[in-house]
N, C-alpha and C. Protein backbone atom coordinates (compact mmCIF):
# COMPACT_ATOMS: atom_id res chain seq x y z
N MET A 1 5.83 0.70 28.10
CA MET A 1 5.19 1.14 29.32
C MET A 1 3.89 1.86 28.96
N THR A 2 2.83 1.49 29.63
CA THR A 2 1.53 2.10 29.38
C THR A 2 1.53 3.53 29.90
N LYS A 3 1.04 4.42 29.04
CA LYS A 3 0.96 5.83 29.44
C LYS A 3 -0.40 6.37 29.03
N PRO A 4 -0.95 7.30 29.80
CA PRO A 4 -2.24 7.88 29.44
C PRO A 4 -2.07 8.97 28.38
N ILE A 5 -2.98 8.94 27.41
CA ILE A 5 -2.98 9.96 26.37
C ILE A 5 -4.40 10.53 26.29
N ARG A 6 -4.49 11.84 26.31
CA ARG A 6 -5.78 12.53 26.27
C ARG A 6 -6.19 12.75 24.82
N VAL A 7 -7.42 12.30 24.48
CA VAL A 7 -7.96 12.51 23.14
C VAL A 7 -9.33 13.17 23.26
N ARG A 8 -9.77 13.76 22.16
CA ARG A 8 -11.07 14.43 22.13
C ARG A 8 -11.89 13.82 20.99
N ILE A 9 -13.08 13.34 21.37
CA ILE A 9 -14.02 12.79 20.39
C ILE A 9 -15.40 13.36 20.70
N LEU A 10 -16.01 13.97 19.71
CA LEU A 10 -17.32 14.62 19.86
C LEU A 10 -17.37 15.54 21.07
N ASP A 11 -16.38 16.37 21.18
CA ASP A 11 -16.29 17.38 22.24
C ASP A 11 -16.18 16.80 23.65
N TYR A 12 -15.85 15.53 23.77
CA TYR A 12 -15.59 14.91 25.06
C TYR A 12 -14.13 14.49 25.10
N GLU A 13 -13.52 14.65 26.25
CA GLU A 13 -12.15 14.20 26.40
C GLU A 13 -12.13 12.83 27.03
N TYR A 14 -11.22 12.01 26.53
CA TYR A 14 -11.04 10.65 27.04
C TYR A 14 -9.56 10.45 27.32
N LEU A 15 -9.27 9.70 28.35
CA LEU A 15 -7.90 9.35 28.68
C LEU A 15 -7.70 7.89 28.27
N ILE A 16 -6.80 7.68 27.31
CA ILE A 16 -6.54 6.35 26.77
C ILE A 16 -5.19 5.88 27.30
N LYS A 17 -5.18 4.73 27.96
CA LYS A 17 -3.92 4.14 28.40
C LYS A 17 -3.44 3.17 27.33
N THR A 18 -2.22 3.41 26.85
CA THR A 18 -1.72 2.64 25.73
C THR A 18 -0.20 2.62 25.69
N ASP A 19 0.33 1.67 24.95
CA ASP A 19 1.76 1.62 24.67
C ASP A 19 2.09 2.28 23.34
N GLU A 20 1.07 2.66 22.59
CA GLU A 20 1.26 3.29 21.28
C GLU A 20 1.82 4.70 21.43
N GLU A 21 2.41 5.16 20.34
CA GLU A 21 2.90 6.54 20.30
C GLU A 21 1.72 7.50 20.31
N GLU A 22 1.91 8.65 20.93
CA GLU A 22 0.82 9.62 21.03
C GLU A 22 0.31 10.05 19.67
N ALA A 23 1.19 10.27 18.73
CA ALA A 23 0.78 10.70 17.39
C ALA A 23 -0.16 9.67 16.76
N GLU A 24 0.13 8.40 16.95
CA GLU A 24 -0.71 7.34 16.38
C GLU A 24 -2.08 7.31 17.06
N VAL A 25 -2.10 7.48 18.37
CA VAL A 25 -3.37 7.50 19.12
C VAL A 25 -4.20 8.69 18.69
N GLN A 26 -3.58 9.84 18.53
CA GLN A 26 -4.30 11.04 18.09
C GLN A 26 -4.84 10.85 16.68
N LYS A 27 -4.09 10.19 15.83
CA LYS A 27 -4.53 9.92 14.45
C LYS A 27 -5.78 9.03 14.48
N ILE A 28 -5.77 8.01 15.31
CA ILE A 28 -6.92 7.11 15.43
C ILE A 28 -8.12 7.86 16.00
N ALA A 29 -7.89 8.66 17.03
CA ALA A 29 -8.98 9.43 17.63
C ALA A 29 -9.59 10.39 16.61
N GLN A 30 -8.75 11.01 15.79
CA GLN A 30 -9.25 11.92 14.76
C GLN A 30 -10.08 11.17 13.73
N PHE A 31 -9.63 9.97 13.37
CA PHE A 31 -10.37 9.13 12.42
C PHE A 31 -11.75 8.80 12.99
N VAL A 32 -11.79 8.37 14.25
CA VAL A 32 -13.07 8.04 14.89
C VAL A 32 -13.95 9.27 14.98
N ASN A 33 -13.38 10.39 15.38
CA ASN A 33 -14.15 11.63 15.48
C ASN A 33 -14.73 12.03 14.12
N ASN A 34 -13.92 11.88 13.07
CA ASN A 34 -14.41 12.22 11.73
C ASN A 34 -15.58 11.33 11.33
N LYS A 35 -15.51 10.03 11.67
CA LYS A 35 -16.62 9.12 11.38
C LYS A 35 -17.88 9.57 12.11
N PHE A 36 -17.73 9.91 13.38
CA PHE A 36 -18.88 10.38 14.17
C PHE A 36 -19.49 11.62 13.53
N MET A 37 -18.62 12.57 13.17
CA MET A 37 -19.10 13.82 12.60
C MET A 37 -19.80 13.58 11.26
N GLU A 38 -19.24 12.69 10.45
CA GLU A 38 -19.83 12.36 9.16
C GLU A 38 -21.23 11.79 9.34
N ILE A 39 -21.40 10.90 10.30
CA ILE A 39 -22.70 10.29 10.55
C ILE A 39 -23.67 11.32 11.12
N LYS A 40 -23.19 12.15 12.05
CA LYS A 40 -24.06 13.19 12.63
C LYS A 40 -24.55 14.17 11.57
N GLU A 41 -23.68 14.50 10.61
CA GLU A 41 -24.06 15.45 9.56
C GLU A 41 -25.07 14.85 8.58
N ASN A 42 -24.99 13.54 8.37
CA ASN A 42 -25.85 12.89 7.38
C ASN A 42 -27.14 12.34 7.97
N THR A 43 -27.25 12.27 9.27
CA THR A 43 -28.47 11.76 9.91
C THR A 43 -28.79 12.64 11.11
N GLU A 44 -29.92 13.28 11.05
CA GLU A 44 -30.30 14.19 12.14
C GLU A 44 -31.08 13.45 13.21
N GLY A 45 -30.94 13.91 14.43
CA GLY A 45 -31.75 13.43 15.53
C GLY A 45 -31.30 12.12 16.16
N LEU A 46 -30.14 11.62 15.77
CA LEU A 46 -29.66 10.37 16.38
C LEU A 46 -29.04 10.66 17.74
N SER A 47 -29.27 9.75 18.66
CA SER A 47 -28.61 9.87 19.96
C SER A 47 -27.12 9.58 19.77
N GLU A 48 -26.33 9.97 20.75
CA GLU A 48 -24.90 9.70 20.66
C GLU A 48 -24.65 8.19 20.64
N ARG A 49 -25.47 7.46 21.33
CA ARG A 49 -25.32 6.00 21.37
C ARG A 49 -25.53 5.41 19.96
N LYS A 50 -26.59 5.83 19.30
CA LYS A 50 -26.85 5.32 17.95
C LYS A 50 -25.79 5.80 16.97
N THR A 51 -25.33 7.02 17.14
CA THR A 51 -24.24 7.54 16.31
C THR A 51 -23.00 6.69 16.50
N ALA A 52 -22.69 6.35 17.74
CA ALA A 52 -21.52 5.52 18.04
C ALA A 52 -21.65 4.14 17.41
N ILE A 53 -22.85 3.56 17.48
CA ILE A 53 -23.06 2.23 16.90
C ILE A 53 -22.90 2.29 15.38
N LEU A 54 -23.47 3.31 14.75
CA LEU A 54 -23.32 3.44 13.30
C LEU A 54 -21.86 3.68 12.90
N ALA A 55 -21.16 4.48 13.69
CA ALA A 55 -19.74 4.73 13.40
C ALA A 55 -18.94 3.44 13.55
N ALA A 56 -19.21 2.69 14.61
CA ALA A 56 -18.51 1.42 14.81
C ALA A 56 -18.81 0.46 13.66
N PHE A 57 -20.05 0.41 13.23
CA PHE A 57 -20.43 -0.46 12.12
C PHE A 57 -19.72 -0.03 10.84
N ASP A 58 -19.66 1.26 10.59
CA ASP A 58 -19.00 1.79 9.40
C ASP A 58 -17.50 1.46 9.42
N ILE A 59 -16.87 1.65 10.57
CA ILE A 59 -15.44 1.36 10.71
C ILE A 59 -15.19 -0.14 10.53
N ALA A 60 -16.04 -0.96 11.13
CA ALA A 60 -15.90 -2.42 11.00
C ALA A 60 -16.10 -2.84 9.54
N SER A 61 -17.04 -2.22 8.86
CA SER A 61 -17.29 -2.54 7.46
C SER A 61 -16.05 -2.22 6.62
N GLU A 62 -15.44 -1.07 6.84
CA GLU A 62 -14.22 -0.71 6.13
C GLU A 62 -13.09 -1.69 6.45
N TYR A 63 -12.99 -2.09 7.70
CA TYR A 63 -11.96 -3.03 8.13
C TYR A 63 -12.11 -4.37 7.39
N PHE A 64 -13.34 -4.90 7.37
CA PHE A 64 -13.55 -6.18 6.70
C PHE A 64 -13.36 -6.08 5.19
N GLN A 65 -13.68 -4.94 4.61
CA GLN A 65 -13.42 -4.74 3.19
C GLN A 65 -11.91 -4.76 2.92
N LEU A 66 -11.15 -4.11 3.79
CA LEU A 66 -9.69 -4.11 3.64
C LEU A 66 -9.12 -5.52 3.82
N LEU A 67 -9.67 -6.28 4.76
CA LEU A 67 -9.22 -7.67 4.93
C LEU A 67 -9.47 -8.49 3.67
N LYS A 68 -10.64 -8.27 3.05
CA LYS A 68 -10.98 -8.99 1.83
C LYS A 68 -10.02 -8.59 0.71
N GLU A 69 -9.75 -7.30 0.57
CA GLU A 69 -8.81 -6.82 -0.46
C GLU A 69 -7.41 -7.38 -0.21
N ARG A 70 -7.02 -7.43 1.06
CA ARG A 70 -5.71 -7.98 1.42
C ARG A 70 -5.63 -9.44 1.03
N GLU A 71 -6.68 -10.20 1.30
CA GLU A 71 -6.71 -11.61 0.95
C GLU A 71 -6.59 -11.81 -0.56
N HIS A 72 -7.29 -10.98 -1.33
CA HIS A 72 -7.19 -11.06 -2.79
C HIS A 72 -5.77 -10.74 -3.26
N LEU A 73 -5.14 -9.75 -2.65
CA LEU A 73 -3.76 -9.41 -3.01
C LEU A 73 -2.81 -10.57 -2.70
N ILE A 74 -2.98 -11.18 -1.55
CA ILE A 74 -2.14 -12.31 -1.17
C ILE A 74 -2.32 -13.46 -2.15
N GLU A 75 -3.57 -13.75 -2.50
CA GLU A 75 -3.84 -14.82 -3.48
C GLU A 75 -3.18 -14.50 -4.82
N ASN A 76 -3.29 -13.26 -5.26
CA ASN A 76 -2.70 -12.83 -6.52
C ASN A 76 -1.18 -12.99 -6.49
N ILE A 77 -0.57 -12.57 -5.39
CA ILE A 77 0.89 -12.68 -5.25
C ILE A 77 1.30 -14.15 -5.26
N GLN A 78 0.54 -15.00 -4.55
CA GLN A 78 0.87 -16.43 -4.52
C GLN A 78 0.77 -17.05 -5.91
N LYS A 79 -0.28 -16.71 -6.67
CA LYS A 79 -0.42 -17.23 -8.03
C LYS A 79 0.73 -16.78 -8.92
N ARG A 80 1.09 -15.52 -8.81
CA ARG A 80 2.18 -14.99 -9.63
C ARG A 80 3.51 -15.64 -9.24
N ALA A 81 3.72 -15.84 -7.94
CA ALA A 81 4.95 -16.49 -7.49
C ALA A 81 5.01 -17.93 -7.99
N GLU A 82 3.88 -18.62 -7.95
CA GLU A 82 3.84 -20.00 -8.47
C GLU A 82 4.14 -20.02 -9.97
N ALA A 83 3.58 -19.07 -10.71
CA ALA A 83 3.84 -18.99 -12.16
C ALA A 83 5.31 -18.71 -12.42
N LEU A 84 5.89 -17.80 -11.65
CA LEU A 84 7.32 -17.50 -11.81
C LEU A 84 8.17 -18.72 -11.47
N ASN A 85 7.83 -19.40 -10.41
CA ASN A 85 8.56 -20.61 -10.03
C ASN A 85 8.47 -21.67 -11.13
N TYR A 86 7.30 -21.80 -11.72
CA TYR A 86 7.10 -22.75 -12.81
C TYR A 86 8.01 -22.41 -13.98
N HIS A 87 8.05 -21.12 -14.34
CA HIS A 87 8.90 -20.68 -15.46
C HIS A 87 10.38 -20.89 -15.14
N ILE A 88 10.77 -20.57 -13.93
CA ILE A 88 12.17 -20.77 -13.53
C ILE A 88 12.52 -22.25 -13.59
N ASP A 89 11.63 -23.09 -13.02
CA ASP A 89 11.88 -24.54 -13.05
C ASP A 89 11.97 -25.07 -14.47
N SER A 90 11.11 -24.58 -15.35
CA SER A 90 11.13 -25.06 -16.74
C SER A 90 12.42 -24.61 -17.45
N LEU A 91 12.94 -23.45 -17.10
CA LEU A 91 14.22 -22.99 -17.68
C LEU A 91 15.38 -23.82 -17.14
N ILE A 92 15.32 -24.17 -15.88
CA ILE A 92 16.39 -24.98 -15.28
C ILE A 92 16.41 -26.37 -15.92
N GLU A 93 15.22 -26.95 -16.15
CA GLU A 93 15.13 -28.28 -16.74
C GLU A 93 15.66 -28.28 -18.17
N VAL A 94 15.43 -27.19 -18.90
CA VAL A 94 15.87 -27.09 -20.29
C VAL A 94 17.41 -26.96 -20.32
N GLY A 95 17.94 -26.18 -19.37
CA GLY A 95 19.38 -25.91 -19.34
C GLY A 95 20.14 -27.08 -18.91
């Protein structure tokens, strides 16, 4: 059931309607807020709109990096599984 959860980002409150647990929504809101604050601290004079765009870009960049790392892990696991299967098959054939 969708329920509203109040979060605070850059000193503004937002009401988020979601099926997620409140703790998870608050964790995400804190992550977003931290990104905003990090960008605001490192770049002076940016409008909130530009700060939001940079934060979104930074978050998306991290997301795509994690997807790439995940893909490499999956490929590595598949190669190792194939090697193990090959060794098992060769032992079965010998036996």
